């Protein structure tokens, strides 16, 4: 019985572990340019943190970079 509960706890711990995968971050900007960045071996939270849309404004000119994350 003790062995069965240890196996159950181990299985439960593995099922909650975060899966590390490869993601692709695709960004396009207002000038029509685009870039693709591969993010390898991370969990989804880290991939989202590294694939961020931004807006840069200087001298009355604004440039927006829109990024999307995919597997």
PDB file of N, CA and C in Angstrom:
ATOM      1  N   UNK A   1       0.819  -1.188   0.000  1.00  0.00           N
ATOM      2  CA  UNK A   1       0.000   0.000   0.000  1.00  0.00           C
ATOM      3  C   UNK A   1       0.869   1.261   0.000  1.00  0.00           C
ATOM      4  N   UNK A   2       1.958   1.224   0.775  1.00  0.00           N
ATOM      5  CA  UNK A   2       2.855   2.372   0.845  1.00  0.00           C
ATOM      6  C   UNK A   2       3.510   2.628  -0.505  1.00  0.00           C
ATOM      7  N   UNK A   3       3.887   1.551  -1.201  1.00  0.00           N
ATOM      8  CA  UNK A   3       4.514   1.676  -2.516  1.00  0.00           C
ATOM      9  C   UNK A   3       3.537   2.282  -3.516  1.00  0.00           C
ATOM     10  N   UNK A   4       2.276   1.902  -3.442  1.00  0.00           N
ATOM     11  CA  UNK A   4       1.253   2.423  -4.349  1.00  0.00           C
ATOM     12  C   UNK A   4       1.052   3.924  -4.137  1.00  0.00           C
ATOM     13  N   UNK A   5       1.053   4.373  -2.894  1.00  0.00           N
ATOM     14  CA  UNK A   5       0.862   5.802  -2.647  1.00  0.00           C
ATOM     15  C   UNK A   5       2.080   6.614  -3.099  1.00  0.00           C
ATOM     16  N   UNK A   6       3.280   6.073  -2.963  1.00  0.00           N
ATOM     17  CA  UNK A   6       4.483   6.765  -3.443  1.00  0.00           C
ATOM     18  C   UNK A   6       4.450   6.901  -4.962  1.00  0.00           C
ATOM     19  N   UNK A   7       4.035   5.851  -5.646  1.00  0.00           N
ATOM     20  CA  UNK A   7       3.923   5.906  -7.111  1.00  0.00           C
ATOM     21  C   UNK A   7       2.865   6.930  -7.513  1.00  0.00           C
ATOM     22  N   UNK A   8       1.757   6.972  -6.805  1.00  0.00           N
ATOM     23  CA  UNK A   8       0.700   7.946  -7.100  1.00  0.00           C
ATOM     24  C   UNK A   8       1.168   9.376  -6.913  1.00  0.00           C
ATOM     25  N   UNK A   9       1.899   9.623  -5.840  1.00  0.00           N
ATOM     26  CA  UNK A   9       2.429  10.972  -5.590  1.00  0.00           C
ATOM     27  C   UNK A   9       3.442  11.365  -6.661  1.00  0.00           C
ATOM     28  N   UNK A  10       4.290  10.435  -7.057  1.00  0.00           N
ATOM     29  CA  UNK A  10       5.277  10.711  -8.107  1.00  0.00           C
ATOM     30  C   UNK A  10       4.589  11.034  -9.429  1.00  0.00           C
ATOM     31  N   UNK A  11       3.555  10.279  -9.777  1.00  0.00           N
ATOM     32  CA  UNK A  11       2.819  10.535 -11.014  1.00  0.00           C
ATOM     33  C   UNK A  11       2.150  11.902 -10.973  1.00  0.00           C
ATOM     34  N   UNK A  12       1.580  12.255  -9.840  1.00  0.00           N
ATOM     35  CA  UNK A  12       0.922  13.548  -9.689  1.00  0.00           C
ATOM     36  C   UNK A  12       1.915  14.699  -9.838  1.00  0.00           C
ATOM     37  N   UNK A  13       3.093  14.540  -9.259  1.00  0.00           N
ATOM     38  CA  UNK A  13       4.126  15.583  -9.362  1.00  0.00           C
ATOM     39  C   UNK A  13       4.574  15.771 -10.806  1.00  0.00           C
ATOM     40  N   UNK A  14       4.736  14.686 -11.532  1.00  0.00           N
ATOM     41  CA  UNK A  14       5.155  14.772 -12.935  1.00  0.00           C
ATOM     42  C   UNK A  14       4.069  15.418 -13.786  1.00  0.00           C
ATOM     43  N   UNK A  15       2.809  15.140 -13.488  1.00  0.00           N
ATOM     44  CA  UNK A  15       1.717  15.695 -14.299  1.00  0.00           C
ATOM     45  C   UNK A  15       1.590  17.203 -14.119  1.00  0.00           C
ATOM     46  N   UNK A  16       2.020  17.747 -12.975  1.00  0.00           N
ATOM     47  CA  UNK A  16       1.958  19.188 -12.757  1.00  0.00           C
ATOM     48  C   UNK A  16       3.222  19.914 -13.211  1.00  0.00           C
ATOM     49  N   UNK A  17       4.227  19.176 -13.586  1.00  0.00           N
ATOM     50  CA  UNK A  17       5.474  19.805 -14.029  1.00  0.00           C
ATOM     51  C   UNK A  17       5.226  20.559 -15.326  1.00  0.00           C
ATOM     52  N   UNK A  18       5.853  21.674 -15.466  1.00  0.00           N
ATOM     53  CA  UNK A  18       5.697  22.494 -16.647  1.00  0.00           C
ATOM     54  C   UNK A  18       6.468  21.883 -17.812  1.00  0.00           C
ATOM     55  N   UNK A  19       5.805  21.766 -18.947  1.00  0.00           N
ATOM     56  CA  UNK A  19       6.428  21.174 -20.127  1.00  0.00           C
ATOM     57  C   UNK A  19       7.269  22.227 -20.843  1.00  0.00           C
ATOM     58  N   UNK A  20       8.472  21.877 -21.168  1.00  0.00           N
ATOM     59  CA  UNK A  20       9.341  22.788 -21.905  1.00  0.00           C
ATOM     60  C   UNK A  20       9.248  22.434 -23.383  1.00  0.00           C
ATOM     61  N   UNK A  21       8.931  23.420 -24.183  1.00  0.00           N
ATOM     62  CA  UNK A  21       8.716  23.226 -25.611  1.00  0.00           C
ATOM     63  C   UNK A  21       9.453  24.310 -26.386  1.00  0.00           C
ATOM     64  N   UNK A  22       9.380  24.196 -27.693  1.00  0.00           N
ATOM     65  CA  UNK A  22       9.928  25.213 -28.590  1.00  0.00           C
ATOM     66  C   UNK A  22       8.779  26.086 -29.087  1.00  0.00           C
ATOM     67  N   UNK A  23       8.977  27.382 -29.089  1.00  0.00           N
ATOM     68  CA  UNK A  23       7.964  28.330 -29.538  1.00  0.00           C
ATOM     69  C   UNK A  23       8.545  29.225 -30.616  1.00  0.00           C
ATOM     70  N   UNK A  24       7.658  29.851 -31.394  1.00  0.00           N
ATOM     71  CA  UNK A  24       8.050  30.796 -32.428  1.00  0.00           C
ATOM     72  C   UNK A  24       7.364  32.124 -32.157  1.00  0.00           C
ATOM     73  N   UNK A  25       8.152  33.188 -32.137  1.00  0.00           N
ATOM     74  CA  UNK A  25       7.640  34.540 -31.944  1.00  0.00           C
ATOM     75  C   UNK A  25       7.741  35.270 -33.288  1.00  0.00           C
ATOM     76  N   UNK A  26       6.601  35.649 -33.843  1.00  0.00           N
ATOM     77  CA  UNK A  26       6.555  36.351 -35.122  1.00  0.00           C
ATOM     78  C   UNK A  26       6.146  37.799 -34.866  1.00  0.00           C
ATOM     79  N   UNK A  27       6.997  38.732 -35.296  1.00  0.00           N
ATOM     80  CA  UNK A  27       6.739  40.158 -35.073  1.00  0.00           C
ATOM     81  C   UNK A  27       6.648  40.893 -36.407  1.00  0.00           C
ATOM     82  N   UNK A  28       5.694  41.809 -36.503  1.00  0.00           N
ATOM     83  CA  UNK A  28       5.581  42.693 -37.664  1.00  0.00           C
ATOM     84  C   UNK A  28       5.550  44.122 -37.150  1.00  0.00           C
ATOM     85  N   UNK A  29       6.105  45.048 -37.935  1.00  0.00           N
ATOM     86  CA  UNK A  29       6.096  46.449 -37.513  1.00  0.00           C
ATOM     87  C   UNK A  29       5.320  47.305 -38.508  1.00  0.00           C
ATOM     88  N   UNK A  30       5.104  48.557 -38.143  1.00  0.00           N
ATOM     89  CA  UNK A  30       4.290  49.452 -38.966  1.00  0.00           C
ATOM     90  C   UNK A  30       4.958  49.810 -40.287  1.00  0.00           C
ATOM     91  N   UNK A  31       6.255  49.589 -40.420  1.00  0.00           N
ATOM     92  CA  UNK A  31       6.953  49.855 -41.678  1.00  0.00           C
ATOM     93  C   UNK A  31       6.846  48.694 -42.651  1.00  0.00           C
ATOM     94  N   UNK A  32       6.185  47.613 -42.260  1.00  0.00           N
ATOM     95  CA  UNK A  32       6.030  46.460 -43.136  1.00  0.00           C
ATOM     96  C   UNK A  32       7.092  45.398 -42.928  1.00  0.00           C
ATOM     97  N   UNK A  33       8.029  45.633 -42.042  1.00  0.00           N
ATOM     98  CA  UNK A  33       9.065  44.647 -41.754  1.00  0.00           C
ATOM     99  C   UNK A  33       8.543  43.558 -40.840  1.00  0.00           C
ATOM    100  N   UNK A  34       9.187  42.401 -40.895  1.00  0.00           N
ATOM    101  CA  UNK A  34       8.798  41.307 -40.009  1.00  0.00           C
ATOM    102  C   UNK A  34      10.035  40.529 -39.585  1.00  0.00           C
ATOM    103  N   UNK A  35       9.897  39.843 -38.460  1.00  0.00           N
ATOM    104  CA  UNK A  35      10.977  38.999 -37.975  1.00  0.00           C
ATOM    105  C   UNK A  35      10.386  37.784 -37.273  1.00  0.00           C
ATOM    106  N   UNK A  36      11.128  36.685 -37.316  1.00  0.00           N
ATOM    107  CA  UNK A  36      10.721  35.451 -36.661  1.00  0.00           C
ATOM    108  C   UNK A  36      11.845  35.029 -35.730  1.00  0.00           C
ATOM    109  N   UNK A  37      11.507  34.784 -34.469  1.00  0.00           N
ATOM    110  CA  UNK A  37      12.489  34.361 -33.487  1.00  0.00           C
ATOM    111  C   UNK A  37      12.055  33.028 -32.896  1.00  0.00           C
ATOM    112  N   UNK A  38      12.960  32.054 -32.874  1.00  0.00           N
ATOM    113  CA  UNK A  38      12.659  30.765 -32.253  1.00  0.00           C
ATOM    114  C   UNK A  38      13.106  30.821 -30.802  1.00  0.00           C
ATOM    115  N   UNK A  39      12.203  30.408 -29.912  1.00  0.00           N
ATOM    116  CA  UNK A  39      12.487  30.341 -28.486  1.00  0.00           C
ATOM    117  C   UNK A  39      12.474  28.857 -28.131  1.00  0.00           C
ATOM    118  N   UNK A  40      13.621  28.324 -27.770  1.00  0.00           N
ATOM    119  CA  UNK A  40      13.792  26.878 -27.656  1.00  0.00           C
ATOM    120  C   UNK A  40      13.884  26.426 -26.199  1.00  0.00           C
ATOM    121  N   UNK A  41      13.131  25.363 -25.885  1.00  0.00           N
ATOM    122  CA  UNK A  41      13.238  24.688 -24.596  1.00  0.00           C
ATOM    123  C   UNK A  41      12.801  25.496 -23.390  1.00  0.00           C
ATOM    124  N   UNK A  42      11.657  26.188 -23.498  1.00  0.00           N
ATOM    125  CA  UNK A  42      11.151  26.981 -22.373  1.00  0.00           C
ATOM    126  C   UNK A  42       9.684  26.651 -22.130  1.00  0.00           C
ATOM    127  N   UNK A  43       9.175  27.061 -20.976  1.00  0.00           N
ATOM    128  CA  UNK A  43       7.751  26.884 -20.730  1.00  0.00           C
ATOM    129  C   UNK A  43       6.991  28.067 -21.341  1.00  0.00           C
ATOM    130  N   UNK A  44       5.671  27.972 -21.378  1.00  0.00           N
ATOM    131  CA  UNK A  44       4.867  28.978 -22.068  1.00  0.00           C
ATOM    132  C   UNK A  44       4.985  30.359 -21.418  1.00  0.00           C
ATOM    133  N   UNK A  45       5.078  30.403 -20.106  1.00  0.00           N
ATOM    134  CA  UNK A  45       5.189  31.688 -19.403  1.00  0.00           C
ATOM    135  C   UNK A  45       6.459  32.428 -19.814  1.00  0.00           C
ATOM    136  N   UNK A  46       7.571  31.710 -19.901  1.00  0.00           N
ATOM    137  CA  UNK A  46       8.841  32.325 -20.305  1.00  0.00           C
ATOM    138  C   UNK A  46       8.791  32.760 -21.767  1.00  0.00           C
ATOM    139  N   UNK A  47       8.173  31.941 -22.611  1.00  0.00           N
ATOM    140  CA  UNK A  47       8.052  32.300 -24.027  1.00  0.00           C
ATOM    141  C   UNK A  47       7.235  33.582 -24.199  1.00  0.00           C
ATOM    142  N   UNK A  48       6.137  33.699 -23.454  1.00  0.00           N
ATOM    143  CA  UNK A  48       5.325  34.925 -23.524  1.00  0.00           C
ATOM    144  C   UNK A  48       6.107  36.141 -23.059  1.00  0.00           C
ATOM    145  N   UNK A  49       6.933  35.961 -22.044  1.00  0.00           N
ATOM    146  CA  UNK A  49       7.734  37.077 -21.525  1.00  0.00           C
ATOM    147  C   UNK A  49       8.779  37.545 -22.533  1.00  0.00           C
ATOM    148  N   UNK A  50       9.202  36.669 -23.438  1.00  0.00           N
ATOM    149  CA  UNK A  50      10.215  37.012 -24.435  1.00  0.00           C
ATOM    150  C   UNK A  50       9.633  37.400 -25.791  1.00  0.00           C
ATOM    151  N   UNK A  51       8.329  37.357 -25.922  1.00  0.00           N
ATOM    152  CA  UNK A  51       7.661  37.718 -27.183  1.00  0.00           C
ATOM    153  C   UNK A  51       6.699  38.864 -26.872  1.00  0.00           C
ATOM    154  N   UNK A  52       7.219  40.093 -26.894  1.00  0.00           N
ATOM    155  CA  UNK A  52       6.470  41.251 -26.415  1.00  0.00           C
ATOM    156  C   UNK A  52       6.270  42.265 -27.536  1.00  0.00           C
ATOM    157  N   UNK A  53       5.050  42.763 -27.655  1.00  0.00           N
ATOM    158  CA  UNK A  53       4.748  43.846 -28.588  1.00  0.00           C
ATOM    159  C   UNK A  53       5.184  45.163 -27.957  1.00  0.00           C
ATOM    160  N   UNK A  54       5.714  46.077 -28.790  1.00  0.00           N
ATOM    161  CA  UNK A  54       6.202  47.356 -28.266  1.00  0.00           C
ATOM    162  C   UNK A  54       5.794  48.509 -29.171  1.00  0.00           C
ATOM    163  N   UNK A  55       5.828  49.709 -28.603  1.00  0.00           N
ATOM    164  CA  UNK A  55       5.641  50.941 -29.365  1.00  0.00           C
ATOM    165  C   UNK A  55       6.767  51.883 -28.978  1.00  0.00           C
ATOM    166  N   UNK A  56       7.482  52.367 -29.987  1.00  0.00           N
ATOM    167  CA  UNK A  56       8.577  53.305 -29.773  1.00  0.00           C
ATOM    168  C   UNK A  56       8.172  54.632 -30.388  1.00  0.00           C
ATOM    169  N   UNK A  57       8.294  55.690 -29.598  1.00  0.00           N
ATOM    170  CA  UNK A  57       7.912  57.009 -30.076  1.00  0.00           C
ATOM    171  C   UNK A  57       9.069  57.976 -29.862  1.00  0.00           C
ATOM    172  N   UNK A  58       9.481  58.646 -30.959  1.00  0.00           N
ATOM    173  CA  UNK A  58      10.568  59.628 -30.864  1.00  0.00           C
ATOM    174  C   UNK A  58      10.389  60.675 -31.963  1.00  0.00           C
ATOM    175  N   UNK A  59      10.551  61.914 -31.594  1.00  0.00           N
ATOM    176  CA  UNK A  59      10.503  63.033 -32.549  1.00  0.00           C
ATOM    177  C   UNK A  59       9.207  63.066 -33.349  1.00  0.00           C
ATOM    178  N   UNK A  60       8.095  62.757 -32.719  1.00  0.00           N
ATOM    179  CA  UNK A  60       6.800  62.810 -33.382  1.00  0.00           C
ATOM    180  C   UNK A  60       6.508  61.634 -34.286  1.00  0.00           C
ATOM    181  N   UNK A  61       7.335  60.639 -34.268  1.00  0.00           N
ATOM    182  CA  UNK A  61       7.165  59.454 -35.106  1.00  0.00           C
ATOM    183  C   UNK A  61       7.011  58.251 -34.193  1.00  0.00           C
ATOM    184  N   UNK A  62       6.018  57.421 -34.460  1.00  0.00           N
ATOM    185  CA  UNK A  62       5.785  56.236 -33.627  1.00  0.00           C
ATOM    186  C   UNK A  62       5.900  54.976 -34.488  1.00  0.00           C
ATOM    187  N   UNK A  63       6.552  54.001 -33.957  1.00  0.00           N
ATOM    188  CA  UNK A  63       6.660  52.705 -34.629  1.00  0.00           C
ATOM    189  C   UNK A  63       6.164  51.627 -33.676  1.00  0.00           C
ATOM    190  N   UNK A  64       5.223  50.828 -34.165  1.00  0.00           N
ATOM    191  CA  UNK A  64       4.640  49.765 -33.358  1.00  0.00           C
ATOM    192  C   UNK A  64       5.085  48.405 -33.881  1.00  0.00           C
ATOM    193  N   UNK A  65       5.519  47.554 -32.972  1.00  0.00           N
ATOM    194  CA  UNK A  65       5.908  46.180 -33.311  1.00  0.00           C
ATOM    195  C   UNK A  65       4.916  45.260 -32.622  1.00  0.00           C
ATOM    196  N   UNK A  66       4.168  44.476 -33.416  1.00  0.00           N
ATOM    197  CA  UNK A  66       3.167  43.564 -32.887  1.00  0.00           C
ATOM    198  C   UNK A  66       3.688  42.136 -33.000  1.00  0.00           C
ATOM    199  N   UNK A  67       3.722  41.416 -31.870  1.00  0.00           N
ATOM    200  CA  UNK A  67       4.268  40.066 -31.837  1.00  0.00           C
ATOM    201  C   UNK A  67       3.210  39.051 -31.438  1.00  0.00           C
ATOM    202  N   UNK A  68       3.277  37.863 -32.044  1.00  0.00           N
ATOM    203  CA  UNK A  68       2.408  36.761 -31.694  1.00  0.00           C
ATOM    204  C   UNK A  68       3.236  35.523 -31.433  1.00  0.00           C
ATOM    205  N   UNK A  69       2.786  34.707 -30.505  1.00  0.00           N
ATOM    206  CA  UNK A  69       3.498  33.494 -30.106  1.00  0.00           C
ATOM    207  C   UNK A  69       2.767  32.280 -30.640  1.00  0.00           C
ATOM    208  N   UNK A  70       3.509  31.340 -31.195  1.00  0.00           N
ATOM    209  CA  UNK A  70       2.922  30.094 -31.663  1.00  0.00           C
ATOM    210  C   UNK A  70       3.875  28.942 -31.386  1.00  0.00           C
ATOM    211  N   UNK A  71       3.374  27.732 -31.476  1.00  0.00           N
ATOM    212  CA  UNK A  71       4.193  26.540 -31.229  1.00  0.00           C
ATOM    213  C   UNK A  71       4.923  26.150 -32.476  1.00  0.00           C
TER     214      UNK A  71
END
